[in-house]
Amino acid sequence: MALDLADDDRFSVTVADIDEATLERLQAKEPKLSTVRADLSSPSKVTELVAGYSPVLSAVPGFMGSSTLEAIIEARRNVEAPSGKRCQARLSAITHSPQTSSRLGMKG
């Protein structure tokens, strides 16, 4: 996904991953990509990292999906995430909770 987006001059794409070798391989394939080495299993790190980006495309492993989405929402960023029904249900619960809805200016 990142390589496809980076190939389009309308986008400036940054990829974050904990594995430096993965980031180096991606940048070798597409020099226009920016990379950031980051531990995305830390929700506070995700919130901090995504603060400067919108939209955010989240493509983390399934076990990290819910916490990553919560962190992105906490940062008040627009997010796209390939997801299954379980993740969609969790995202719906997060975005429609009274606490989150008031932070995001939503009613529901």
C-alpha atoms as a PDB file:
ATOM      1  CA  MET A   1       0.000   0.000   0.000  1.00  0.00           C
ATOM      2  CA  ALA A   2       2.742   2.452   0.929  1.00  0.00           C
ATOM      3  CA  LEU A   3       4.614   1.811  -2.316  1.00  0.00           C
ATOM      4  CA  ASP A   4       1.469   2.389  -4.380  1.00  0.00           C
ATOM      5  CA  LEU A   5       0.692   5.639  -2.562  1.00  0.00           C
ATOM      6  CA  ALA A   6       4.279   6.887  -2.788  1.00  0.00           C
ATOM      7  CA  ASP A   7       4.213   6.334  -6.543  1.00  0.00           C
ATOM      8  CA  ASP A   8       1.494   8.994  -6.765  1.00  0.00           C
ATOM      9  CA  ASP A   9       2.932  12.526  -6.647  1.00  0.00           C
ATOM     10  CA  ARG A  10      -0.162  13.790  -4.824  1.00  0.00           C
ATOM     11  CA  PHE A  11       0.966  11.997  -1.658  1.00  0.00           C
ATOM     12  CA  SER A  12       3.853  12.321   0.740  1.00  0.00           C
ATOM     13  CA  VAL A  13       4.141   8.925   2.439  1.00  0.00           C
ATOM     14  CA  THR A  14       5.865   8.004   5.691  1.00  0.00           C
ATOM     15  CA  VAL A  15       6.122   4.399   6.862  1.00  0.00           C
ATOM     16  CA  ALA A  16       6.670   3.509  10.513  1.00  0.00           C
ATOM     17  CA  ASP A  17       7.919   0.099  11.598  1.00  0.00           C
ATOM     18  CA  ILE A  18      10.033  -1.358  14.378  1.00  0.00           C
ATOM     19  CA  ASP A  19      12.220  -3.298  11.924  1.00  0.00           C
ATOM     20  CA  GLU A  20      14.956  -1.137  10.394  1.00  0.00           C
ATOM     21  CA  ALA A  21      15.641  -3.737   7.680  1.00  0.00           C
ATOM     22  CA  THR A  22      12.011  -3.558   6.523  1.00  0.00           C
ATOM     23  CA  LEU A  23      12.211   0.225   6.335  1.00  0.00           C
ATOM     24  CA  GLU A  24      15.474   0.051   4.366  1.00  0.00           C
ATOM     25  CA  ARG A  25      13.972  -2.422   1.868  1.00  0.00           C
ATOM     26  CA  LEU A  26      10.942  -0.177   1.327  1.00  0.00           C
ATOM     27  CA  GLN A  27      13.052   2.921   0.868  1.00  0.00           C
ATOM     28  CA  ALA A  28      15.301   1.083  -1.601  1.00  0.00           C
ATOM     29  CA  LYS A  29      12.211   0.240  -3.680  1.00  0.00           C
ATOM     30  CA  GLU A  30      10.795   3.756  -3.427  1.00  0.00           C
ATOM     31  CA  PRO A  31      13.220   6.560  -2.513  1.00  0.00           C
ATOM     32  CA  LYS A  32      10.341   9.061  -2.133  1.00  0.00           C
ATOM     33  CA  LEU A  33       9.172   7.181   0.994  1.00  0.00           C
ATOM     34  CA  SER A  34      10.047   8.631   4.363  1.00  0.00           C
ATOM     35  CA  THR A  35      10.613   6.156   7.156  1.00  0.00           C
ATOM     36  CA  VAL A  36      10.416   6.257  10.937  1.00  0.00           C
ATOM     37  CA  ARG A  37      11.614   3.473  13.214  1.00  0.00           C
ATOM     38  CA  ALA A  38       8.972   3.163  15.933  1.00  0.00           C
ATOM     39  CA  ASP A  39       7.490   0.590  18.297  1.00  0.00           C
ATOM     40  CA  LEU A  40       3.833   0.743  17.303  1.00  0.00           C
ATOM     41  CA  SER A  41       2.825  -1.637  20.088  1.00  0.00           C
ATOM     42  CA  SER A  42       3.008   1.406  22.389  1.00  0.00           C
ATOM     43  CA  PRO A  43      -0.293   3.341  22.079  1.00  0.00           C
ATOM     44  CA  SER A  44       1.275   6.515  23.481  1.00  0.00           C
ATOM     45  CA  LYS A  45       4.018   6.310  20.813  1.00  0.00           C
ATOM     46  CA  VAL A  46       1.367   5.855  18.105  1.00  0.00           C
ATOM     47  CA  THR A  47      -0.593   8.881  19.347  1.00  0.00           C
ATOM     48  CA  GLU A  48       2.581  10.968  19.384  1.00  0.00           C
ATOM     49  CA  LEU A  49       3.748   9.726  15.985  1.00  0.00           C
ATOM     50  CA  VAL A  50       0.515  10.247  14.045  1.00  0.00           C
ATOM     51  CA  ALA A  51      -0.089  13.760  15.393  1.00  0.00           C
ATOM     52  CA  GLY A  52       1.587  15.254  12.332  1.00  0.00           C
ATOM     53  CA  TYR A  53      -0.139  13.099   9.712  1.00  0.00           C
ATOM     54  CA  SER A  54      -3.593  12.913   8.181  1.00  0.00           C
ATOM     55  CA  PRO A  55      -4.927  10.668   6.940  1.00  0.00           C
ATOM     56  CA  VAL A  56      -3.294   7.721   8.666  1.00  0.00           C
ATOM     57  CA  LEU A  57      -3.341   4.288   7.044  1.00  0.00           C
ATOM     58  CA  SER A  58      -3.051   1.645   9.747  1.00  0.00           C
ATOM     59  CA  ALA A  59      -1.803  -1.732   8.542  1.00  0.00           C
ATOM     60  CA  VAL A  60      -0.588  -3.327  11.760  1.00  0.00           C
ATOM     61  CA  PRO A  61      -1.018  -7.020  12.629  1.00  0.00           C
ATOM     62  CA  GLY A  62      -4.477  -7.959  13.903  1.00  0.00           C
ATOM     63  CA  PHE A  63      -3.493  -8.280  17.562  1.00  0.00           C
ATOM     64  CA  MET A  64      -2.423  -4.601  17.516  1.00  0.00           C
ATOM     65  CA  GLY A  65      -5.413  -3.295  15.567  1.00  0.00           C
ATOM     66  CA  SER A  66      -7.750  -2.111  18.309  1.00  0.00           C
ATOM     67  CA  SER A  67      -5.120  -0.419  20.453  1.00  0.00           C
ATOM     68  CA  THR A  68      -3.591   1.243  17.396  1.00  0.00           C
ATOM     69  CA  LEU A  69      -6.964   2.553  16.235  1.00  0.00           C
ATOM     70  CA  GLU A  70      -7.706   3.880  19.718  1.00  0.00           C
ATOM     71  CA  ALA A  71      -4.360   5.698  19.749  1.00  0.00           C
ATOM     72  CA  ILE A  72      -4.976   7.232  16.316  1.00  0.00           C
ATOM     73  CA  ILE A  73      -8.445   8.371  17.355  1.00  0.00           C
ATOM     74  CA  GLU A  74      -6.974   9.802  20.560  1.00  0.00           C
ATOM     75  CA  ALA A  75      -4.688  11.888  18.329  1.00  0.00           C
ATOM     76  CA  ARG A  76      -7.805  13.094  16.463  1.00  0.00           C
ATOM     77  CA  ARG A  77      -6.498  11.896  13.089  1.00  0.00           C
ATOM     78  CA  ASN A  78      -8.478  10.582  10.141  1.00  0.00           C
ATOM     79  CA  VAL A  79      -7.738   6.884   9.765  1.00  0.00           C
ATOM     80  CA  GLU A  80      -8.201   4.120   7.231  1.00  0.00           C
ATOM     81  CA  ALA A  81      -7.612   0.544   8.297  1.00  0.00           C
ATOM     82  CA  PRO A  82      -8.168  -2.734   6.459  1.00  0.00           C
ATOM     83  CA  SER A  83     -10.236  -4.591   9.008  1.00  0.00           C
ATOM     84  CA  GLY A  84     -12.400  -7.592   9.665  1.00  0.00           C
ATOM     85  CA  LYS A  85     -15.734  -7.650  11.462  1.00  0.00           C
ATOM     86  CA  ARG A  86     -14.189  -7.922  14.942  1.00  0.00           C
ATOM     87  CA  CYS A  87     -12.036  -4.845  14.394  1.00  0.00           C
ATOM     88  CA  GLN A  88     -14.935  -2.924  12.844  1.00  0.00           C
ATOM     89  CA  ALA A  89     -17.125  -3.718  15.842  1.00  0.00           C
ATOM     90  CA  ARG A  90     -14.374  -2.571  18.226  1.00  0.00           C
ATOM     91  CA  LEU A  91     -13.829   0.638  16.249  1.00  0.00           C
ATOM     92  CA  SER A  92     -17.570   1.320  16.306  1.00  0.00           C
ATOM     93  CA  ALA A  93     -17.612   0.826  20.080  1.00  0.00           C
ATOM     94  CA  ILE A  94     -14.640   3.171  20.482  1.00  0.00           C
ATOM     95  CA  THR A  95     -15.935   5.954  18.256  1.00  0.00           C
ATOM     96  CA  HIS A  96     -19.448   5.827  19.652  1.00  0.00           C
ATOM     97  CA  SER A  97     -18.551   5.691  23.339  1.00  0.00           C
ATOM     98  CA  PRO A  98     -19.671   8.770  25.296  1.00  0.00           C
ATOM     99  CA  GLN A  99     -16.060   9.615  26.235  1.00  0.00           C
ATOM    100  CA  THR A 100     -14.706   9.427  22.695  1.00  0.00           C
ATOM    101  CA  SER A 101     -17.747  11.030  21.082  1.00  0.00           C
ATOM    102  CA  SER A 102     -17.373  14.131  23.216  1.00  0.00           C
ATOM    103  CA  ARG A 103     -13.635  14.383  22.400  1.00  0.00           C
ATOM    104  CA  LEU A 104     -14.346  14.030  18.690  1.00  0.00           C
ATOM    105  CA  GLY A 105     -17.356  16.335  18.696  1.00  0.00           C
ATOM    106  CA  MET A 106     -19.684  13.501  17.694  1.00  0.00           C
ATOM    107  CA  LYS A 107     -23.207  12.763  18.767  1.00  0.00           C
ATOM    108  CA  GLY A 108     -24.577   9.282  18.719  1.00  0.00           C
END
